[in-house]
Amino acid sequence: MNSLLSLCAGAFLLYMPYLWCRYKKEDPCSYGLCWKISVTDIVQTLGVSALILSVLTLAALNWPWDKLPRTRSFGEAAELIASGFAAAVIEETFFRGWLQPMLERKIGPWRAIVVTNLIFAPLHLIAAPRLVSLLTFFPGLVMGWLKYRYKNLTPPALFHFIGNIWAVWFFPSSVGF
């Protein structure tokens, strides 16, 4: 039942923004539902990812409540990485590709990034009901900024995916993409 619910939620988050655009007879790119690959954007996103994850790694290694990092079997890690990729694409499509641009039109980009993440972070409590899941608010701000800066979904989705891979090793008890 949980898998079916996850599948339905994922399908909604992935397809609803495009259906919205179709219903409104608007170009999905006008909402920010664009996926573009630019070498410069990718390299800069990798640099941002390395910087942010270096800081988070230092925090994780000194995490006071659990002994981190933990280990995973290869199969379990591969499964989590695959679901982390799916989560990055699905969540970025909905939150940064549709919700954030909708809010930007009404309240401006910086408030839209914050409000989007005030919705994004608590939803992680569903998959991983631990307060540490709320910390997704902060990488979500980076993803929102990446979307705003590059005007497409590839940079925030790449950052999100890299963050999900990182979380497999550094916060496995809270990972539940």
N, C-alpha and C. Protein backbone atom coordinates (compact mmCIF):
# COMPACT_ATOMS: atom_id res chain seq x y z
N MET A 1 0.82 -1.20 0.00
CA MET A 1 0.00 0.00 0.00
C MET A 1 0.87 1.26 0.00
N ASN A 2 1.95 1.24 0.80
CA ASN A 2 2.84 2.39 0.87
C ASN A 2 3.49 2.66 -0.49
N SER A 3 3.85 1.59 -1.22
CA SER A 3 4.45 1.75 -2.55
C SER A 3 3.45 2.35 -3.53
N LEU A 4 2.22 1.92 -3.45
CA LEU A 4 1.18 2.46 -4.33
C LEU A 4 0.94 3.94 -4.04
N LEU A 5 0.91 4.30 -2.78
CA LEU A 5 0.74 5.69 -2.39
C LEU A 5 1.91 6.53 -2.89
N SER A 6 3.12 6.02 -2.75
CA SER A 6 4.31 6.73 -3.24
C SER A 6 4.26 6.90 -4.75
N LEU A 7 3.84 5.86 -5.45
CA LEU A 7 3.73 5.93 -6.91
C LEU A 7 2.71 6.98 -7.32
N CYS A 8 1.57 7.01 -6.66
CA CYS A 8 0.52 7.99 -6.98
C CYS A 8 0.99 9.41 -6.68
N ALA A 9 1.64 9.59 -5.53
CA ALA A 9 2.14 10.92 -5.17
C ALA A 9 3.20 11.38 -6.17
N GLY A 10 4.11 10.48 -6.53
CA GLY A 10 5.14 10.82 -7.51
C GLY A 10 4.55 11.17 -8.86
N ALA A 11 3.57 10.41 -9.31
CA ALA A 11 2.92 10.70 -10.60
C ALA A 11 2.23 12.06 -10.56
N PHE A 12 1.57 12.36 -9.44
CA PHE A 12 0.91 13.66 -9.31
C PHE A 12 1.93 14.79 -9.38
N LEU A 13 3.00 14.69 -8.58
CA LEU A 13 4.00 15.76 -8.55
C LEU A 13 4.71 15.93 -9.88
N LEU A 14 4.89 14.85 -10.61
CA LEU A 14 5.58 14.91 -11.90
C LEU A 14 4.69 15.43 -13.02
N TYR A 15 3.46 14.94 -13.09
CA TYR A 15 2.61 15.26 -14.25
C TYR A 15 1.67 16.43 -14.04
N MET A 16 1.28 16.72 -12.82
CA MET A 16 0.33 17.79 -12.58
C MET A 16 0.79 19.14 -13.13
N PRO A 17 2.05 19.54 -12.95
CA PRO A 17 2.47 20.83 -13.52
C PRO A 17 2.30 20.90 -15.04
N TYR A 18 2.59 19.81 -15.74
CA TYR A 18 2.44 19.82 -17.19
C TYR A 18 0.97 19.83 -17.59
N LEU A 19 0.14 19.11 -16.83
CA LEU A 19 -1.30 19.13 -17.09
C LEU A 19 -1.87 20.52 -16.83
N TRP A 20 -1.37 21.18 -15.81
CA TRP A 20 -1.79 22.55 -15.51
C TRP A 20 -1.50 23.46 -16.71
N CYS A 21 -0.30 23.35 -17.24
CA CYS A 21 0.08 24.17 -18.40
C CYS A 21 -0.80 23.85 -19.59
N ARG A 22 -1.08 22.59 -19.79
CA ARG A 22 -1.94 22.20 -20.91
C ARG A 22 -3.34 22.77 -20.72
N TYR A 23 -3.86 22.67 -19.50
CA TYR A 23 -5.19 23.21 -19.20
C TYR A 23 -5.23 24.72 -19.42
N LYS A 24 -4.17 25.42 -19.01
CA LYS A 24 -4.09 26.87 -19.16
C LYS A 24 -3.69 27.30 -20.57
N LYS A 25 -3.33 26.30 -21.41
CA LYS A 25 -2.86 26.55 -22.78
C LYS A 25 -1.64 27.48 -22.79
N GLU A 26 -0.72 27.16 -21.88
CA GLU A 26 0.52 27.92 -21.77
C GLU A 26 1.71 27.01 -21.97
N ASP A 27 2.77 27.58 -22.45
CA ASP A 27 4.02 26.86 -22.66
C ASP A 27 4.60 26.46 -21.30
N PRO A 28 4.94 25.18 -21.11
CA PRO A 28 5.53 24.77 -19.82
C PRO A 28 6.78 25.57 -19.46
N CYS A 29 7.55 26.02 -20.45
CA CYS A 29 8.74 26.80 -20.15
C CYS A 29 8.39 28.16 -19.53
N SER A 30 7.18 28.66 -19.79
CA SER A 30 6.79 29.93 -19.18
C SER A 30 6.62 29.78 -17.67
N TYR A 31 6.43 28.56 -17.19
CA TYR A 31 6.37 28.30 -15.76
C TYR A 31 7.72 27.87 -15.21
N GLY A 32 8.65 27.60 -16.07
CA GLY A 32 9.96 27.13 -15.62
C GLY A 32 10.14 25.64 -15.73
N LEU A 33 9.24 24.98 -16.44
CA LEU A 33 9.32 23.53 -16.61
C LEU A 33 10.21 23.19 -17.80
N CYS A 34 11.44 23.69 -17.76
CA CYS A 34 12.40 23.46 -18.84
C CYS A 34 13.58 22.66 -18.31
N TRP A 35 14.05 21.75 -19.13
CA TRP A 35 15.23 20.95 -18.82
C TRP A 35 16.25 21.23 -19.91
N LYS A 36 17.31 21.95 -19.56
CA LYS A 36 18.36 22.28 -20.52
C LYS A 36 19.70 21.82 -19.95
N ILE A 37 20.57 21.39 -20.84
CA ILE A 37 21.90 20.98 -20.39
C ILE A 37 22.91 21.94 -20.99
N SER A 38 23.62 22.61 -20.11
CA SER A 38 24.68 23.53 -20.49
C SER A 38 25.91 23.13 -19.67
N VAL A 39 27.03 22.98 -20.34
CA VAL A 39 28.26 22.58 -19.65
C VAL A 39 28.60 23.58 -18.54
N THR A 40 28.47 24.85 -18.83
CA THR A 40 28.77 25.88 -17.83
C THR A 40 27.87 25.74 -16.60
N ASP A 41 26.57 25.58 -16.84
CA ASP A 41 25.62 25.42 -15.74
C ASP A 41 25.94 24.19 -14.90
N ILE A 42 26.28 23.09 -15.57
CA ILE A 42 26.59 21.83 -14.87
C ILE A 42 27.86 22.00 -14.03
N VAL A 43 28.90 22.57 -14.60
CA VAL A 43 30.16 22.76 -13.88
C VAL A 43 29.95 23.66 -12.67
N GLN A 44 29.21 24.76 -12.85
CA GLN A 44 28.95 25.66 -11.73
C GLN A 44 28.11 24.97 -10.65
N THR A 45 27.12 24.17 -11.07
CA THR A 45 26.30 23.44 -10.12
C THR A 45 27.13 22.43 -9.34
N LEU A 46 28.05 21.76 -10.01
CA LEU A 46 28.94 20.82 -9.32
C LEU A 46 29.81 21.55 -8.30
N GLY A 47 30.26 22.75 -8.65
CA GLY A 47 31.04 23.55 -7.71
C GLY A 47 30.22 23.95 -6.48
N VAL A 48 28.99 24.39 -6.71
CA VAL A 48 28.09 24.74 -5.60
C VAL A 48 27.84 23.50 -4.74
N SER A 49 27.61 22.36 -5.40
CA SER A 49 27.36 21.11 -4.67
C SER A 49 28.55 20.74 -3.80
N ALA A 50 29.75 20.83 -4.35
CA ALA A 50 30.95 20.49 -3.58
C ALA A 50 31.10 21.41 -2.37
N LEU A 51 30.87 22.68 -2.56
CA LEU A 51 30.98 23.64 -1.45
C LEU A 51 29.96 23.35 -0.36
N ILE A 52 28.70 23.23 -0.73
CA ILE A 52 27.63 23.00 0.25
C ILE A 52 27.81 21.65 0.95
N LEU A 53 28.10 20.62 0.17
CA LEU A 53 28.22 19.29 0.77
C LEU A 53 29.48 19.14 1.63
N SER A 54 30.50 19.93 1.36
CA SER A 54 31.68 19.92 2.23
C SER A 54 31.30 20.42 3.62
N VAL A 55 30.53 21.50 3.65
CA VAL A 55 30.08 22.05 4.93
C VAL A 55 29.15 21.05 5.63
N LEU A 56 28.22 20.46 4.88
CA LEU A 56 27.30 19.49 5.48
C LEU A 56 28.03 18.24 5.96
N THR A 57 29.09 17.84 5.26
CA THR A 57 29.86 16.68 5.68
C THR A 57 30.54 16.95 7.02
N LEU A 58 31.09 18.13 7.18
CA LEU A 58 31.69 18.49 8.47
C LEU A 58 30.65 18.44 9.58
N ALA A 59 29.45 18.93 9.30
CA ALA A 59 28.37 18.88 10.29
C ALA A 59 27.98 17.43 10.58
N ALA A 60 27.87 16.61 9.53
CA ALA A 60 27.47 15.21 9.72
C ALA A 60 28.50 14.43 10.52
N LEU A 61 29.76 14.69 10.28
CA LEU A 61 30.81 13.97 11.00
C LEU A 61 30.85 14.34 12.48
N ASN A 62 30.27 15.48 12.81
CA ASN A 62 30.21 15.92 14.21
C ASN A 62 28.78 15.90 14.74
N TRP A 63 27.92 15.13 14.09
CA TRP A 63 26.50 15.05 14.46
C TRP A 63 26.39 14.48 15.87
N PRO A 64 25.72 15.17 16.80
CA PRO A 64 25.73 14.73 18.20
C PRO A 64 24.80 13.56 18.54
N TRP A 65 23.81 13.24 17.72
CA TRP A 65 22.81 12.27 18.13
C TRP A 65 23.03 10.86 17.60
N ASP A 66 23.68 10.72 16.50
CA ASP A 66 23.90 9.40 15.90
C ASP A 66 25.36 9.29 15.53
N LYS A 67 25.83 8.05 15.43
CA LYS A 67 27.17 7.82 14.92
C LYS A 67 27.08 7.82 13.40
N LEU A 68 27.70 8.79 12.79
CA LEU A 68 27.63 8.93 11.34
C LEU A 68 29.04 9.00 10.78
N PRO A 69 29.31 8.69 9.56
CA PRO A 69 28.38 8.06 8.62
C PRO A 69 28.20 6.57 8.90
N ARG A 70 27.17 6.04 8.35
CA ARG A 70 26.87 4.61 8.47
C ARG A 70 27.19 3.95 7.14
N THR A 71 27.04 2.65 7.12
CA THR A 71 27.30 1.93 5.88
C THR A 71 26.02 1.32 5.35
N ARG A 72 26.02 1.05 4.07
CA ARG A 72 24.90 0.41 3.40
C ARG A 72 25.45 -0.72 2.55
N SER A 73 24.62 -1.75 2.33
CA SER A 73 25.01 -2.78 1.37
C SER A 73 24.95 -2.16 -0.02
N PHE A 74 25.65 -2.76 -0.97
CA PHE A 74 25.66 -2.24 -2.34
C PHE A 74 24.24 -2.20 -2.91
N GLY A 75 23.49 -3.28 -2.73
CA GLY A 75 22.14 -3.34 -3.27
C GLY A 75 21.23 -2.29 -2.66
N GLU A 76 21.31 -2.12 -1.35
CA GLU A 76 20.49 -1.12 -0.68
C GLU A 76 20.88 0.29 -1.13
N ALA A 77 22.18 0.55 -1.25
CA ALA A 77 22.66 1.86 -1.71
C ALA A 77 22.20 2.12 -3.14
N ALA A 78 22.31 1.11 -4.01
CA ALA A 78 21.89 1.27 -5.40
C ALA A 78 20.39 1.59 -5.50
N GLU A 79 19.61 0.89 -4.69
CA GLU A 79 18.16 1.14 -4.68
C GLU A 79 17.85 2.56 -4.19
N LEU A 80 18.53 3.00 -3.15
CA LEU A 80 18.31 4.36 -2.64
C LEU A 80 18.79 5.42 -3.62
N ILE A 81 19.89 5.14 -4.31
CA ILE A 81 20.39 6.10 -5.30
C ILE A 81 19.40 6.22 -6.45
N ALA A 82 18.85 5.10 -6.91
CA ALA A 82 17.84 5.15 -7.98
C ALA A 82 16.60 5.91 -7.53
N SER A 83 16.14 5.65 -6.31
CA SER A 83 14.97 6.38 -5.84
C SER A 83 15.32 7.84 -5.58
N GLY A 84 16.56 8.11 -5.21
CA GLY A 84 17.01 9.49 -5.04
C GLY A 84 17.02 10.26 -6.34
N PHE A 85 17.36 9.59 -7.43
CA PHE A 85 17.29 10.23 -8.75
C PHE A 85 15.85 10.54 -9.12
N ALA A 86 14.97 9.56 -8.92
CA ALA A 86 13.55 9.76 -9.22
C ALA A 86 12.99 10.90 -8.38
N ALA A 87 13.33 10.92 -7.09
CA ALA A 87 12.84 11.98 -6.20
C ALA A 87 13.33 13.34 -6.66
N ALA A 88 14.58 13.43 -7.07
CA ALA A 88 15.13 14.72 -7.53
C ALA A 88 14.35 15.23 -8.74
N VAL A 89 14.11 14.38 -9.71
CA VAL A 89 13.39 14.80 -10.92
C VAL A 89 11.95 15.17 -10.58
N ILE A 90 11.28 14.31 -9.82
CA ILE A 90 9.87 14.54 -9.50
C ILE A 90 9.69 15.79 -8.64
N GLU A 91 10.46 15.89 -7.56
CA GLU A 91 10.31 17.02 -6.65
C GLU A 91 10.71 18.34 -7.30
N GLU A 92 11.77 18.33 -8.08
CA GLU A 92 12.18 19.57 -8.75
C GLU A 92 11.16 20.00 -9.79
N THR A 93 10.56 19.04 -10.48
CA THR A 93 9.53 19.39 -11.46
C THR A 93 8.39 20.13 -10.77
N PHE A 94 7.92 19.60 -9.66
CA PHE A 94 6.78 20.21 -8.98
C PHE A 94 7.17 21.49 -8.23
N PHE A 95 8.17 21.40 -7.36
CA PHE A 95 8.46 22.52 -6.48
C PHE A 95 9.19 23.66 -7.17
N ARG A 96 10.29 23.38 -7.85
CA ARG A 96 11.05 24.45 -8.49
C ARG A 96 10.57 24.74 -9.91
N GLY A 97 9.99 23.75 -10.57
CA GLY A 97 9.55 23.96 -11.95
C GLY A 97 8.16 24.54 -12.07
N TRP A 98 7.33 24.35 -11.05
CA TRP A 98 5.96 24.84 -11.16
C TRP A 98 5.59 25.75 -9.99
N LEU A 99 5.71 25.27 -8.75
CA LEU A 99 5.26 26.05 -7.60
C LEU A 99 6.05 27.34 -7.43
N GLN A 100 7.37 27.23 -7.47
CA GLN A 100 8.20 28.42 -7.28
C GLN A 100 7.90 29.49 -8.33
N PRO A 101 7.85 29.16 -9.63
CA PRO A 101 7.50 30.20 -10.61
C PRO A 101 6.09 30.78 -10.43
N MET A 102 5.14 29.93 -9.99
CA MET A 102 3.79 30.44 -9.73
C MET A 102 3.85 31.48 -8.61
N LEU A 103 4.59 31.18 -7.57
CA LEU A 103 4.71 32.12 -6.46
C LEU A 103 5.52 33.35 -6.84
N GLU A 104 6.56 33.16 -7.68
CA GLU A 104 7.37 34.31 -8.12
C GLU A 104 6.50 35.37 -8.77
N ARG A 105 5.51 34.95 -9.53
CA ARG A 105 4.62 35.90 -10.22
C ARG A 105 3.82 36.74 -9.22
N LYS A 106 3.58 36.20 -8.05
CA LYS A 106 2.74 36.89 -7.06
C LYS A 106 3.53 37.62 -5.98
N ILE A 107 4.65 37.01 -5.52
CA ILE A 107 5.35 37.58 -4.36
C ILE A 107 6.83 37.86 -4.60
N GLY A 108 7.31 37.66 -5.80
CA GLY A 108 8.72 37.91 -6.10
C GLY A 108 9.57 36.67 -5.88
N PRO A 109 10.78 36.68 -6.46
CA PRO A 109 11.60 35.46 -6.45
C PRO A 109 12.10 35.03 -5.08
N TRP A 110 12.57 35.94 -4.25
CA TRP A 110 13.19 35.52 -2.99
C TRP A 110 12.15 35.00 -2.00
N ARG A 111 11.03 35.66 -1.93
CA ARG A 111 9.96 35.15 -1.07
C ARG A 111 9.43 33.82 -1.61
N ALA A 112 9.35 33.72 -2.92
CA ALA A 112 8.86 32.47 -3.54
C ALA A 112 9.78 31.30 -3.19
N ILE A 113 11.07 31.53 -3.19
CA ILE A 113 12.02 30.47 -2.83
C ILE A 113 11.79 30.03 -1.39
N VAL A 114 11.62 30.98 -0.48
CA VAL A 114 11.41 30.64 0.94
C VAL A 114 10.08 29.92 1.12
N VAL A 115 9.01 30.46 0.56
CA VAL A 115 7.68 29.85 0.72
C VAL A 115 7.65 28.45 0.12
N THR A 116 8.25 28.28 -1.05
CA THR A 116 8.30 26.96 -1.68
C THR A 116 8.96 25.96 -0.74
N ASN A 117 10.03 26.37 -0.08
CA ASN A 117 10.74 25.46 0.82
C ASN A 117 10.05 25.27 2.16
N LEU A 118 9.21 26.21 2.54
CA LEU A 118 8.38 26.01 3.74
C LEU A 118 7.34 24.91 3.48
N ILE A 119 7.03 24.66 2.23
CA ILE A 119 6.14 23.56 1.84
C ILE A 119 6.94 22.29 1.57
N PHE A 120 8.06 22.45 0.87
CA PHE A 120 8.92 21.33 0.47
C PHE A 120 9.46 20.55 1.67
N ALA A 121 10.03 21.24 2.64
CA ALA A 121 10.69 20.56 3.77
C ALA A 121 9.73 19.72 4.61
N PRO A 122 8.60 20.25 5.06
CA PRO A 122 7.73 19.42 5.90
C PRO A 122 7.19 18.18 5.19
N LEU A 123 7.07 18.23 3.88
CA LEU A 123 6.60 17.05 3.16
C LEU A 123 7.57 15.88 3.28
N HIS A 124 8.83 16.17 3.60
CA HIS A 124 9.80 15.09 3.80
C HIS A 124 9.53 14.30 5.08
N LEU A 125 8.73 14.85 5.97
CA LEU A 125 8.36 14.13 7.19
C LEU A 125 7.48 12.92 6.88
N ILE A 126 6.83 12.92 5.73
CA ILE A 126 5.99 11.79 5.35
C ILE A 126 6.86 10.55 5.10
N ALA A 127 7.92 10.73 4.32
CA ALA A 127 8.79 9.60 3.99
C ALA A 127 9.76 9.26 5.12
N ALA A 128 10.20 10.28 5.84
CA ALA A 128 11.17 10.07 6.92
C ALA A 128 10.71 10.89 8.13
N PRO A 129 9.84 10.33 8.96
CA PRO A 129 9.25 11.10 10.06
C PRO A 129 10.19 11.36 11.22
N ARG A 130 11.26 12.07 10.94
CA ARG A 130 12.21 12.50 11.96
C ARG A 130 12.44 13.99 11.75
N LEU A 131 12.61 14.72 12.83
CA LEU A 131 12.77 16.17 12.71
C LEU A 131 13.94 16.58 11.82
N VAL A 132 14.95 15.72 11.72
CA VAL A 132 16.09 16.03 10.87
C VAL A 132 15.64 16.20 9.41
N SER A 133 14.52 15.62 9.05
CA SER A 133 13.99 15.76 7.68
C SER A 133 13.66 17.20 7.35
N LEU A 134 13.35 18.00 8.36
CA LEU A 134 13.05 19.41 8.12
C LEU A 134 14.27 20.20 7.65
N LEU A 135 15.45 19.63 7.88
CA LEU A 135 16.67 20.30 7.42
C LEU A 135 16.75 20.38 5.91
N THR A 136 15.88 19.67 5.21
CA THR A 136 15.84 19.78 3.74
C THR A 136 15.46 21.19 3.31
N PHE A 137 14.96 21.99 4.25
CA PHE A 137 14.64 23.39 3.96
C PHE A 137 15.88 24.11 3.41
N PHE A 138 17.04 23.88 4.04
CA PHE A 138 18.24 24.64 3.68
C PHE A 138 18.82 24.26 2.32
N PRO A 139 18.99 22.97 1.99
CA PRO A 139 19.39 22.67 0.61
C PRO A 139 18.31 23.09 -0.38
N GLY A 140 17.05 23.08 0.06
CA GLY A 140 15.96 23.54 -0.80
C GLY A 140 16.13 25.00 -1.20
N LEU A 141 16.67 25.81 -0.29
CA LEU A 141 16.95 27.21 -0.64
C LEU A 141 17.98 27.29 -1.76
N VAL A 142 18.99 26.42 -1.68
CA VAL A 142 20.02 26.39 -2.73
C VAL A 142 19.39 25.96 -4.05
N MET A 143 18.54 24.93 -3.98
CA MET A 143 17.87 24.47 -5.21
C MET A 143 16.99 25.57 -5.80
N GLY A 144 16.30 26.30 -4.94
CA GLY A 144 15.48 27.42 -5.42
C GLY A 144 16.32 28.49 -6.08
N TRP A 145 17.46 28.79 -5.47
CA TRP A 145 18.36 29.78 -6.06
C TRP A 145 18.90 29.29 -7.40
N LEU A 146 19.30 28.01 -7.46
CA LEU A 146 19.81 27.46 -8.73
C LEU A 146 18.76 27.56 -9.83
N LYS A 147 17.51 27.26 -9.49
CA LYS A 147 16.43 27.35 -10.48
C LYS A 147 16.26 28.80 -10.93
N TYR A 148 16.28 29.73 -9.99
CA TYR A 148 16.12 31.14 -10.31
C TYR A 148 17.30 31.63 -11.16
N ARG A 149 18.49 31.23 -10.79
CA ARG A 149 19.69 31.71 -11.50
C ARG A 149 19.78 31.16 -12.92
N TYR A 150 19.53 29.86 -13.11
CA TYR A 150 19.75 29.23 -14.41
C TYR A 150 18.48 29.11 -15.25
N LYS A 151 17.33 29.40 -14.67
CA LYS A 151 16.06 29.40 -15.41
C LYS A 151 15.71 28.06 -16.04
N ASN A 152 16.21 26.98 -15.45
CA ASN A 152 15.81 25.64 -15.90
C ASN A 152 16.00 24.66 -14.75
N LEU A 153 15.49 23.47 -14.93
CA LEU A 153 15.43 22.50 -13.85
C LEU A 153 16.66 21.61 -13.71
N THR A 154 17.52 21.59 -14.69
CA THR A 154 18.67 20.70 -14.63
C THR A 154 19.60 21.01 -13.44
N PRO A 155 20.01 22.27 -13.22
CA PRO A 155 20.90 22.53 -12.08
C PRO A 155 20.29 22.17 -10.72
N PRO A 156 19.05 22.58 -10.39
CA PRO A 156 18.55 22.17 -9.07
C PRO A 156 18.33 20.66 -8.96
N ALA A 157 17.94 20.01 -10.05
CA ALA A 157 17.76 18.55 -9.99
C ALA A 157 19.10 17.85 -9.80
N LEU A 158 20.14 18.34 -10.45
CA LEU A 158 21.48 17.76 -10.27
C LEU A 158 21.95 17.95 -8.82
N PHE A 159 21.79 19.15 -8.29
CA PHE A 159 22.16 19.40 -6.90
C PHE A 159 21.36 18.51 -5.96
N HIS A 160 20.07 18.38 -6.22
CA HIS A 160 19.18 17.55 -5.41
C HIS A 160 19.64 16.09 -5.45
N PHE A 161 19.94 15.58 -6.64
CA PHE A 161 20.38 14.19 -6.78
C PHE A 161 21.70 13.96 -6.05
N ILE A 162 22.64 14.88 -6.20
CA ILE A 162 23.92 14.74 -5.51
C ILE A 162 23.69 14.76 -3.99
N GLY A 163 22.80 15.63 -3.54
CA GLY A 163 22.47 15.68 -2.11
C GLY A 163 21.83 14.39 -1.64
N ASN A 164 20.99 13.79 -2.48
CA ASN A 164 20.37 12.51 -2.11
C ASN A 164 21.42 11.39 -2.01
N ILE A 165 22.38 11.38 -2.93
CA ILE A 165 23.46 10.39 -2.85
C ILE A 165 24.25 10.60 -1.56
N TRP A 166 24.56 11.84 -1.25
CA TRP A 166 25.28 12.17 -0.03
C TRP A 166 24.52 11.66 1.19
N ALA A 167 23.20 11.87 1.20
CA ALA A 167 22.37 11.48 2.34
C ALA A 167 22.33 9.97 2.55
N VAL A 168 22.54 9.19 1.49
CA VAL A 168 22.54 7.73 1.63
C VAL A 168 23.62 7.30 2.62
N TRP A 169 24.75 7.98 2.61
CA TRP A 169 25.83 7.60 3.50
C TRP A 169 25.85 8.39 4.80
N PHE A 170 25.48 9.65 4.77
CA PHE A 170 25.63 10.47 5.96
C PHE A 170 24.39 10.55 6.85
N PHE A 171 23.22 10.30 6.29
CA PHE A 171 22.01 10.30 7.10
C PHE A 171 21.08 9.17 6.68
N PRO A 172 21.60 7.93 6.67
CA PRO A 172 20.78 6.84 6.16
C PRO A 172 19.54 6.55 7.00
N SER A 173 19.54 6.86 8.27
CA SER A 173 18.35 6.57 9.06
C SER A 173 17.23 7.54 8.74
N SER A 174 17.56 8.66 8.11
CA SER A 174 16.51 9.63 7.77
C SER A 174 16.19 9.61 6.29
N VAL A 175 16.91 8.81 5.52
CA VAL A 175 16.68 8.79 4.08
C VAL A 175 15.44 7.96 3.78
N GLY A 176 14.55 8.54 3.07
CA GLY A 176 13.35 7.86 2.62
C GLY A 176 12.80 8.63 1.44
N PHE A 177 13.63 8.81 0.43
CA PHE A 177 13.28 9.66 -0.70
C PHE A 177 11.85 9.47 -1.04
